[in-house]
N, C-alpha and C. Protein backbone atom coordinates (compact mmCIF):
# COMPACT_ATOMS: atom_id res chain seq x y z
N UNK A 1 24.22 -15.14 -26.02
CA UNK A 1 22.96 -14.56 -25.57
C UNK A 1 23.14 -13.06 -25.33
N UNK A 2 24.18 -12.63 -24.60
CA UNK A 2 24.34 -11.24 -24.25
C UNK A 2 24.68 -10.39 -25.44
N UNK A 3 25.25 -10.93 -26.53
CA UNK A 3 25.56 -10.15 -27.71
C UNK A 3 24.31 -9.56 -28.34
N UNK A 4 23.14 -10.21 -28.12
CA UNK A 4 21.91 -9.76 -28.71
C UNK A 4 21.25 -8.67 -27.89
N UNK A 5 21.73 -8.39 -26.71
CA UNK A 5 21.14 -7.41 -25.82
C UNK A 5 21.67 -6.03 -26.08
N UNK A 6 20.89 -5.00 -25.65
CA UNK A 6 21.35 -3.63 -25.75
C UNK A 6 22.56 -3.43 -24.79
N UNK A 7 23.24 -2.35 -24.96
CA UNK A 7 24.47 -2.11 -24.16
C UNK A 7 24.17 -2.13 -22.69
N UNK A 8 23.11 -1.46 -22.21
CA UNK A 8 22.76 -1.45 -20.81
C UNK A 8 22.44 -2.84 -20.31
N UNK A 9 21.63 -3.58 -21.05
CA UNK A 9 21.26 -4.93 -20.65
C UNK A 9 22.49 -5.86 -20.59
N UNK A 10 23.44 -5.69 -21.55
CA UNK A 10 24.65 -6.47 -21.47
C UNK A 10 25.44 -6.18 -20.22
N UNK A 11 25.50 -4.89 -19.83
CA UNK A 11 26.20 -4.52 -18.59
C UNK A 11 25.61 -5.24 -17.40
N UNK A 12 24.28 -5.28 -17.32
CA UNK A 12 23.63 -5.95 -16.22
C UNK A 12 23.88 -7.46 -16.25
N UNK A 13 23.75 -8.05 -17.43
CA UNK A 13 24.03 -9.50 -17.59
C UNK A 13 25.46 -9.85 -17.13
N UNK A 14 26.39 -8.95 -17.51
CA UNK A 14 27.80 -9.16 -17.08
C UNK A 14 27.96 -9.01 -15.56
N UNK A 15 27.29 -8.02 -14.97
CA UNK A 15 27.34 -7.86 -13.52
C UNK A 15 26.78 -9.09 -12.80
N UNK A 16 25.71 -9.63 -13.35
CA UNK A 16 25.14 -10.86 -12.78
C UNK A 16 26.08 -12.02 -12.92
N UNK A 17 26.72 -12.16 -14.06
CA UNK A 17 27.68 -13.25 -14.30
C UNK A 17 28.84 -13.10 -13.33
N UNK A 18 29.42 -11.88 -13.18
CA UNK A 18 30.54 -11.67 -12.25
C UNK A 18 30.13 -12.04 -10.80
N UNK A 19 28.87 -11.83 -10.47
CA UNK A 19 28.38 -12.15 -9.13
C UNK A 19 28.13 -13.63 -8.97
N UNK A 20 28.32 -14.39 -10.04
CA UNK A 20 28.11 -15.84 -9.93
C UNK A 20 26.73 -16.28 -10.08
N UNK A 21 25.86 -15.42 -10.59
CA UNK A 21 24.45 -15.76 -10.73
C UNK A 21 24.13 -16.28 -12.15
N UNK A 22 23.32 -17.27 -12.19
CA UNK A 22 22.90 -17.85 -13.46
C UNK A 22 21.51 -17.29 -13.83
N UNK A 23 21.36 -15.99 -13.68
CA UNK A 23 20.11 -15.31 -14.04
C UNK A 23 20.20 -14.75 -15.46
N UNK A 24 19.06 -14.80 -16.14
CA UNK A 24 19.03 -14.45 -17.58
C UNK A 24 18.34 -13.10 -17.76
N UNK A 25 19.03 -12.17 -18.42
CA UNK A 25 18.46 -10.93 -18.81
C UNK A 25 17.75 -11.07 -20.13
N UNK A 26 16.53 -10.56 -20.18
CA UNK A 26 15.73 -10.62 -21.41
C UNK A 26 15.27 -9.21 -21.81
N UNK A 27 15.25 -8.97 -23.10
CA UNK A 27 14.66 -7.74 -23.58
C UNK A 27 13.36 -8.04 -24.28
N UNK A 28 12.38 -7.26 -23.95
CA UNK A 28 11.02 -7.51 -24.45
C UNK A 28 10.62 -6.42 -25.43
N UNK A 29 9.75 -6.71 -26.38
CA UNK A 29 9.36 -5.69 -27.33
C UNK A 29 8.57 -4.55 -26.67
N UNK A 30 7.81 -4.86 -25.61
CA UNK A 30 7.01 -3.87 -24.90
C UNK A 30 7.84 -3.19 -23.85
N UNK A 31 7.45 -2.00 -23.51
CA UNK A 31 8.19 -1.22 -22.48
C UNK A 31 7.98 -1.85 -21.11
N UNK A 32 9.06 -1.78 -20.34
CA UNK A 32 9.03 -2.18 -18.93
C UNK A 32 9.41 -0.99 -18.02
N UNK A 33 9.24 0.22 -18.58
CA UNK A 33 9.72 1.43 -17.91
C UNK A 33 9.01 1.69 -16.58
N UNK A 34 7.67 1.41 -16.51
CA UNK A 34 6.93 1.56 -15.27
C UNK A 34 6.58 0.15 -14.71
N UNK A 35 6.22 0.09 -13.48
CA UNK A 35 5.82 -1.20 -12.90
C UNK A 35 4.63 -1.79 -13.62
N UNK A 36 3.66 -0.97 -13.98
CA UNK A 36 2.46 -1.45 -14.65
C UNK A 36 2.82 -1.95 -16.06
N UNK A 37 3.66 -1.19 -16.77
CA UNK A 37 4.11 -1.69 -18.12
C UNK A 37 4.90 -2.99 -18.00
N UNK A 38 5.77 -3.08 -17.01
CA UNK A 38 6.58 -4.26 -16.86
C UNK A 38 5.71 -5.48 -16.56
N UNK A 39 4.78 -5.31 -15.63
CA UNK A 39 3.89 -6.46 -15.30
C UNK A 39 3.09 -6.91 -16.51
N UNK A 40 2.61 -5.96 -17.31
CA UNK A 40 1.84 -6.30 -18.48
C UNK A 40 2.74 -7.03 -19.51
N UNK A 41 3.94 -6.50 -19.73
CA UNK A 41 4.87 -7.10 -20.71
C UNK A 41 5.32 -8.52 -20.29
N UNK A 42 5.55 -8.68 -19.00
CA UNK A 42 6.03 -9.96 -18.46
C UNK A 42 4.92 -10.95 -18.29
N UNK A 43 3.75 -10.47 -17.91
CA UNK A 43 2.62 -11.35 -17.59
C UNK A 43 2.63 -11.75 -16.15
N UNK A 44 3.01 -10.83 -15.27
CA UNK A 44 3.07 -11.11 -13.79
C UNK A 44 2.23 -10.02 -13.13
N UNK A 45 2.16 -10.12 -11.82
CA UNK A 45 1.44 -9.12 -11.02
C UNK A 45 2.38 -7.91 -10.79
N UNK A 46 1.77 -6.74 -10.69
CA UNK A 46 2.58 -5.52 -10.43
C UNK A 46 3.38 -5.63 -9.12
N UNK A 47 2.85 -6.30 -8.16
CA UNK A 47 3.53 -6.46 -6.87
C UNK A 47 4.89 -7.18 -7.08
N UNK A 48 5.04 -8.00 -8.13
CA UNK A 48 6.26 -8.77 -8.38
C UNK A 48 7.37 -7.92 -9.03
N UNK A 49 7.10 -6.69 -9.40
CA UNK A 49 8.11 -5.84 -10.01
C UNK A 49 8.92 -5.19 -8.90
N UNK A 50 10.20 -5.43 -8.90
CA UNK A 50 11.12 -4.79 -7.96
C UNK A 50 11.61 -3.49 -8.55
N UNK A 51 11.04 -2.36 -8.12
CA UNK A 51 11.40 -1.07 -8.61
C UNK A 51 12.66 -0.55 -7.95
N UNK A 52 13.59 -0.10 -8.75
CA UNK A 52 14.83 0.54 -8.24
C UNK A 52 14.64 2.02 -8.33
N UNK A 53 14.48 2.68 -7.19
CA UNK A 53 14.24 4.11 -7.11
C UNK A 53 15.46 4.77 -6.50
N UNK A 54 16.00 5.76 -7.19
CA UNK A 54 17.24 6.41 -6.75
C UNK A 54 16.86 7.74 -6.06
N UNK A 55 17.45 7.96 -4.89
CA UNK A 55 17.32 9.19 -4.15
C UNK A 55 18.68 9.81 -3.95
N UNK A 56 18.70 11.06 -3.54
CA UNK A 56 19.96 11.77 -3.25
C UNK A 56 19.91 12.20 -1.80
N UNK A 57 20.94 11.79 -1.03
CA UNK A 57 21.08 12.30 0.30
C UNK A 57 21.51 13.73 0.22
N UNK A 58 20.70 14.66 0.68
CA UNK A 58 20.89 16.08 0.39
C UNK A 58 22.15 16.68 1.01
N UNK A 59 22.58 16.20 2.13
CA UNK A 59 23.75 16.77 2.85
C UNK A 59 25.04 16.60 2.08
N UNK A 60 25.14 15.46 1.35
CA UNK A 60 26.45 15.11 0.72
C UNK A 60 26.36 14.48 -0.62
N UNK A 61 25.20 14.51 -1.26
CA UNK A 61 25.06 13.97 -2.61
C UNK A 61 25.25 12.44 -2.72
N UNK A 62 25.17 11.73 -1.66
CA UNK A 62 25.24 10.28 -1.74
C UNK A 62 24.04 9.72 -2.46
N UNK A 63 24.27 8.80 -3.35
CA UNK A 63 23.11 8.14 -4.03
C UNK A 63 22.59 7.00 -3.19
N UNK A 64 21.27 7.00 -3.01
CA UNK A 64 20.62 6.00 -2.16
C UNK A 64 19.59 5.27 -3.06
N UNK A 65 19.73 3.96 -3.07
CA UNK A 65 18.83 3.12 -3.88
C UNK A 65 17.80 2.44 -2.99
N UNK A 66 16.55 2.63 -3.29
CA UNK A 66 15.47 1.98 -2.58
C UNK A 66 14.83 0.97 -3.55
N UNK A 67 14.85 -0.27 -3.20
CA UNK A 67 14.21 -1.28 -4.08
C UNK A 67 12.95 -1.74 -3.39
N UNK A 68 11.81 -1.52 -4.06
CA UNK A 68 10.52 -1.83 -3.44
C UNK A 68 9.58 -2.38 -4.54
N UNK A 69 8.51 -3.00 -4.06
CA UNK A 69 7.52 -3.55 -4.94
C UNK A 69 6.84 -2.47 -5.76
N UNK A 70 6.53 -2.80 -6.98
CA UNK A 70 5.80 -1.90 -7.88
C UNK A 70 4.35 -1.75 -7.54
N UNK A 71 3.88 -2.32 -6.41
CA UNK A 71 2.44 -2.29 -6.08
C UNK A 71 1.92 -0.87 -5.94
N UNK A 72 2.76 0.03 -5.47
CA UNK A 72 2.35 1.47 -5.44
C UNK A 72 3.19 2.14 -6.53
N UNK A 73 2.82 3.38 -6.83
CA UNK A 73 3.49 3.98 -7.95
C UNK A 73 4.34 5.17 -7.53
N UNK A 74 5.45 5.36 -8.27
CA UNK A 74 6.25 6.53 -8.18
C UNK A 74 6.75 6.91 -6.79
N UNK A 75 6.82 8.23 -6.57
CA UNK A 75 7.33 8.74 -5.29
C UNK A 75 6.52 8.33 -4.11
N UNK A 76 5.27 7.97 -4.34
CA UNK A 76 4.40 7.56 -3.18
C UNK A 76 4.76 6.18 -2.69
N UNK A 77 5.58 5.45 -3.44
CA UNK A 77 5.97 4.12 -3.03
C UNK A 77 6.84 4.10 -1.82
N UNK A 78 7.86 4.90 -1.77
CA UNK A 78 8.83 4.88 -0.65
C UNK A 78 8.55 6.06 0.28
N UNK A 79 8.57 5.76 1.56
CA UNK A 79 8.41 6.75 2.59
C UNK A 79 9.73 7.39 2.79
N UNK A 80 9.88 8.69 2.32
CA UNK A 80 11.14 9.36 2.40
C UNK A 80 11.66 9.57 3.84
N UNK A 81 10.77 9.72 4.78
CA UNK A 81 11.20 9.88 6.16
C UNK A 81 11.85 8.55 6.68
N UNK A 82 11.23 7.44 6.33
CA UNK A 82 11.84 6.16 6.73
C UNK A 82 13.19 5.96 6.04
N UNK A 83 13.22 6.29 4.76
CA UNK A 83 14.47 6.13 4.02
C UNK A 83 15.56 7.05 4.59
N UNK A 84 15.19 8.27 4.91
CA UNK A 84 16.16 9.24 5.49
C UNK A 84 16.70 8.73 6.80
N UNK A 85 15.85 8.14 7.65
CA UNK A 85 16.37 7.60 8.93
C UNK A 85 17.34 6.46 8.68
N UNK A 86 17.08 5.64 7.69
CA UNK A 86 18.00 4.52 7.37
C UNK A 86 19.26 5.02 6.70
N UNK A 87 19.15 6.04 5.86
CA UNK A 87 20.28 6.56 5.07
C UNK A 87 21.17 7.53 5.87
N UNK A 88 20.70 7.96 7.04
CA UNK A 88 21.51 8.86 7.82
C UNK A 88 21.40 10.33 7.47
N UNK A 89 20.28 10.72 6.86
CA UNK A 89 20.12 12.12 6.53
C UNK A 89 18.98 12.28 5.51
N UNK A 90 18.53 13.51 5.40
CA UNK A 90 17.41 13.85 4.49
C UNK A 90 17.71 13.36 3.05
N UNK A 91 16.67 12.87 2.41
CA UNK A 91 16.80 12.42 1.03
C UNK A 91 15.74 13.07 0.19
N UNK A 92 16.00 13.13 -1.10
CA UNK A 92 15.01 13.61 -2.10
C UNK A 92 15.14 12.75 -3.32
N UNK A 93 14.05 12.70 -4.08
CA UNK A 93 14.07 11.97 -5.37
C UNK A 93 15.18 12.56 -6.21
N UNK A 94 16.00 11.72 -6.81
CA UNK A 94 17.09 12.19 -7.62
C UNK A 94 16.65 12.68 -9.00
N UNK A 95 17.29 13.63 -9.55
CA UNK A 95 17.03 14.06 -10.91
C UNK A 95 17.46 13.00 -11.90
N UNK A 96 16.90 13.03 -13.11
CA UNK A 96 17.34 12.05 -14.11
C UNK A 96 18.84 12.15 -14.38
N UNK A 97 19.38 13.34 -14.34
CA UNK A 97 20.84 13.53 -14.58
C UNK A 97 21.64 12.87 -13.49
N UNK A 98 21.23 13.09 -12.25
CA UNK A 98 21.92 12.48 -11.08
C UNK A 98 21.88 10.96 -11.21
N UNK A 99 20.69 10.44 -11.52
CA UNK A 99 20.54 8.98 -11.65
C UNK A 99 21.49 8.42 -12.69
N UNK A 100 21.53 9.04 -13.86
CA UNK A 100 22.41 8.57 -14.93
C UNK A 100 23.87 8.68 -14.55
N UNK A 101 24.23 9.79 -13.93
CA UNK A 101 25.61 10.01 -13.51
C UNK A 101 26.10 9.02 -12.47
N UNK A 102 25.26 8.68 -11.52
CA UNK A 102 25.63 7.76 -10.46
C UNK A 102 25.51 6.32 -10.77
N UNK A 103 24.47 5.95 -11.58
CA UNK A 103 24.19 4.56 -11.87
C UNK A 103 24.70 4.13 -13.24
N UNK A 104 24.75 5.08 -14.19
CA UNK A 104 25.10 4.72 -15.58
C UNK A 104 23.87 4.27 -16.35
N UNK A 105 22.64 4.42 -15.75
CA UNK A 105 21.46 3.97 -16.43
C UNK A 105 20.42 5.12 -16.32
N UNK A 106 19.47 5.12 -17.27
CA UNK A 106 18.39 6.11 -17.27
C UNK A 106 17.23 5.59 -16.39
N UNK A 107 16.49 6.54 -15.86
CA UNK A 107 15.26 6.18 -15.12
C UNK A 107 14.40 5.31 -16.03
N UNK A 108 13.80 4.31 -15.44
CA UNK A 108 12.98 3.39 -16.21
C UNK A 108 13.69 2.10 -16.57
N UNK A 109 14.99 2.09 -16.35
CA UNK A 109 15.80 0.90 -16.62
C UNK A 109 16.85 0.62 -15.56
N UNK A 110 16.77 1.40 -14.45
CA UNK A 110 17.79 1.26 -13.39
C UNK A 110 17.70 -0.12 -12.76
N UNK A 111 18.78 -0.90 -12.87
CA UNK A 111 18.76 -2.25 -12.23
C UNK A 111 19.23 -2.13 -10.78
N UNK A 112 19.07 -3.25 -10.04
CA UNK A 112 19.54 -3.26 -8.68
C UNK A 112 21.04 -3.48 -8.58
N UNK A 113 21.72 -3.80 -9.65
CA UNK A 113 23.14 -4.08 -9.69
C UNK A 113 23.79 -3.49 -10.93
N UNK A 114 25.14 -3.47 -10.94
CA UNK A 114 25.86 -3.04 -12.12
C UNK A 114 26.02 -1.52 -12.29
N UNK A 115 25.90 -0.77 -11.22
CA UNK A 115 25.97 0.66 -11.28
C UNK A 115 27.42 1.18 -11.46
N UNK A 116 27.54 2.37 -11.96
CA UNK A 116 28.87 2.99 -12.18
C UNK A 116 29.55 3.30 -10.83
N UNK A 117 28.80 3.68 -9.86
CA UNK A 117 29.35 3.96 -8.53
C UNK A 117 28.56 3.19 -7.47
N UNK A 118 29.18 2.84 -6.35
CA UNK A 118 28.41 2.14 -5.31
C UNK A 118 27.29 2.99 -4.76
N UNK A 119 26.16 2.40 -4.51
CA UNK A 119 25.01 3.07 -3.98
C UNK A 119 24.69 2.51 -2.58
N UNK A 120 24.21 3.37 -1.71
CA UNK A 120 23.71 2.97 -0.41
C UNK A 120 22.34 2.34 -0.70
N UNK A 121 22.21 1.05 -0.47
CA UNK A 121 21.00 0.30 -0.97
C UNK A 121 20.18 -0.26 0.16
N UNK A 122 18.86 -0.15 0.01
CA UNK A 122 17.88 -0.73 0.95
C UNK A 122 16.80 -1.47 0.18
N UNK A 123 16.39 -2.59 0.69
CA UNK A 123 15.37 -3.41 0.03
C UNK A 123 14.15 -3.48 0.89
N UNK A 124 12.98 -3.18 0.36
CA UNK A 124 11.75 -3.27 1.15
C UNK A 124 11.44 -4.70 1.46
N UNK A 125 11.18 -4.96 2.70
CA UNK A 125 10.98 -6.33 3.18
C UNK A 125 9.72 -6.98 2.61
N UNK A 126 8.78 -6.18 2.10
CA UNK A 126 7.61 -6.79 1.47
C UNK A 126 7.94 -7.67 0.27
N UNK A 127 9.02 -7.35 -0.42
CA UNK A 127 9.44 -8.17 -1.54
C UNK A 127 9.80 -9.61 -1.12
N UNK A 128 10.21 -9.78 0.16
CA UNK A 128 10.66 -11.11 0.60
C UNK A 128 9.54 -12.12 0.69
N UNK A 129 8.32 -11.65 0.69
CA UNK A 129 7.17 -12.57 0.82
C UNK A 129 6.75 -13.19 -0.52
N UNK A 130 7.37 -12.72 -1.59
CA UNK A 130 6.99 -13.15 -2.96
C UNK A 130 7.89 -14.36 -3.37
N UNK A 131 7.36 -15.30 -4.10
CA UNK A 131 8.23 -16.39 -4.60
C UNK A 131 9.16 -15.97 -5.72
N UNK A 132 8.71 -15.05 -6.55
CA UNK A 132 9.45 -14.63 -7.73
C UNK A 132 9.25 -13.13 -7.93
N UNK A 133 10.34 -12.43 -8.28
CA UNK A 133 10.24 -11.01 -8.59
C UNK A 133 10.99 -10.77 -9.87
N UNK A 134 10.73 -9.61 -10.47
CA UNK A 134 11.38 -9.15 -11.74
C UNK A 134 11.97 -7.81 -11.50
N UNK A 135 13.20 -7.63 -11.95
CA UNK A 135 13.93 -6.35 -11.81
C UNK A 135 14.35 -5.81 -13.15
N UNK A 136 14.46 -4.51 -13.20
CA UNK A 136 14.94 -3.83 -14.43
C UNK A 136 16.37 -4.28 -14.70
N UNK A 137 16.73 -4.26 -15.98
CA UNK A 137 18.04 -4.78 -16.37
C UNK A 137 18.75 -3.84 -17.33
N UNK A 138 18.73 -2.56 -17.06
CA UNK A 138 19.55 -1.61 -17.76
C UNK A 138 18.94 -0.91 -18.95
N UNK A 139 17.72 -1.20 -19.30
CA UNK A 139 17.02 -0.49 -20.39
C UNK A 139 15.54 -0.52 -20.07
N UNK A 140 14.75 0.34 -20.71
CA UNK A 140 13.29 0.34 -20.49
C UNK A 140 12.59 -0.87 -21.12
N UNK A 141 13.33 -1.84 -21.64
CA UNK A 141 12.78 -3.05 -22.18
C UNK A 141 13.40 -4.30 -21.61
N UNK A 142 14.37 -4.17 -20.72
CA UNK A 142 15.12 -5.35 -20.22
C UNK A 142 14.79 -5.63 -18.76
N UNK A 143 14.64 -6.94 -18.45
CA UNK A 143 14.33 -7.36 -17.11
C UNK A 143 15.07 -8.67 -16.85
N UNK A 144 15.09 -9.05 -15.56
CA UNK A 144 15.51 -10.40 -15.18
C UNK A 144 14.71 -10.87 -14.01
N UNK A 145 14.49 -12.19 -13.98
CA UNK A 145 13.65 -12.82 -12.97
C UNK A 145 14.55 -13.44 -11.91
N UNK A 146 14.16 -13.34 -10.64
CA UNK A 146 14.92 -13.88 -9.55
C UNK A 146 14.06 -14.06 -8.35
N UNK A 147 14.58 -14.78 -7.37
CA UNK A 147 13.93 -14.96 -6.07
C UNK A 147 14.37 -13.79 -5.15
N UNK A 148 13.58 -13.39 -4.22
CA UNK A 148 13.93 -12.31 -3.34
C UNK A 148 15.21 -12.54 -2.60
N UNK A 149 15.50 -13.80 -2.16
CA UNK A 149 16.77 -14.05 -1.49
C UNK A 149 17.97 -13.86 -2.38
N UNK A 150 17.80 -14.07 -3.68
CA UNK A 150 18.85 -13.78 -4.66
C UNK A 150 19.10 -12.28 -4.76
N UNK A 151 18.06 -11.49 -4.66
CA UNK A 151 18.21 -10.05 -4.71
C UNK A 151 18.98 -9.58 -3.46
N UNK A 152 18.65 -10.11 -2.32
CA UNK A 152 19.36 -9.76 -1.07
C UNK A 152 20.81 -10.11 -1.22
N UNK A 153 21.14 -11.33 -1.75
CA UNK A 153 22.53 -11.73 -1.90
C UNK A 153 23.26 -10.87 -2.90
N UNK A 154 22.62 -10.52 -4.00
CA UNK A 154 23.22 -9.69 -5.05
C UNK A 154 23.59 -8.29 -4.58
N UNK A 155 22.66 -7.69 -3.82
CA UNK A 155 22.83 -6.28 -3.42
C UNK A 155 23.45 -6.11 -2.06
N UNK A 156 23.37 -7.16 -1.23
CA UNK A 156 23.88 -6.96 0.14
C UNK A 156 23.04 -5.99 0.94
N UNK A 157 21.85 -5.66 0.42
CA UNK A 157 21.02 -4.69 1.07
C UNK A 157 20.21 -5.25 2.22
N UNK A 158 20.08 -4.50 3.29
CA UNK A 158 19.20 -4.95 4.36
C UNK A 158 17.75 -4.87 3.93
N UNK A 159 16.92 -5.84 4.41
CA UNK A 159 15.50 -5.84 4.14
C UNK A 159 14.85 -5.09 5.28
N UNK A 160 14.23 -3.94 4.93
CA UNK A 160 13.69 -2.99 5.90
C UNK A 160 12.26 -2.57 5.47
N UNK A 161 11.59 -1.87 6.32
CA UNK A 161 10.29 -1.28 6.01
C UNK A 161 10.52 0.09 5.35
N UNK A 162 10.23 0.17 4.04
CA UNK A 162 10.46 1.38 3.26
C UNK A 162 9.20 2.08 2.80
N UNK A 163 8.10 1.37 2.69
CA UNK A 163 6.91 1.91 2.10
C UNK A 163 6.03 2.73 3.02
N UNK A 164 5.22 3.58 2.42
CA UNK A 164 4.32 4.36 3.20
C UNK A 164 3.23 3.44 3.77
N UNK A 165 2.71 3.83 4.89
CA UNK A 165 1.60 3.05 5.50
C UNK A 165 0.45 2.96 4.54
N UNK A 166 -0.15 1.81 4.43
CA UNK A 166 -1.28 1.60 3.57
C UNK A 166 -0.95 1.21 2.15
N UNK A 167 0.40 1.06 1.79
CA UNK A 167 0.71 0.62 0.48
C UNK A 167 1.11 -0.81 0.46
């Protein structure tokens, strides 16, 4: 199965296998780069898309991963003040170059696991209320389906309040 996947998707499938997960990475013909595109391609609700958003802690260049529901879009999704308090310092959205250098993946395909370097990771607790979620799997066409508790186990991330009020 993994031989048919792109290089990034194979890396994620291997990371899942090493973690002891029997989750399947799939590549779709349609783009899954944005939450809306992913939901349309998969046939699920946008709220079920677990977006991996990378930030940079400004004081020391630490990469911070915020995983939140795709229900809101882009930078408006995560409350940077809340994330900064959790991360121990001011954060800003990471540049595409920073994201690739720290994770090994391009924006639009950043998975919650399998990164080149360890990331300080937080999971928005709203995802825990869903029965099934979908996460990016290393390319703008690759995803994998899992339960929220599996995402917590995979990432070791605390479930916290990350989103802006009203999202």
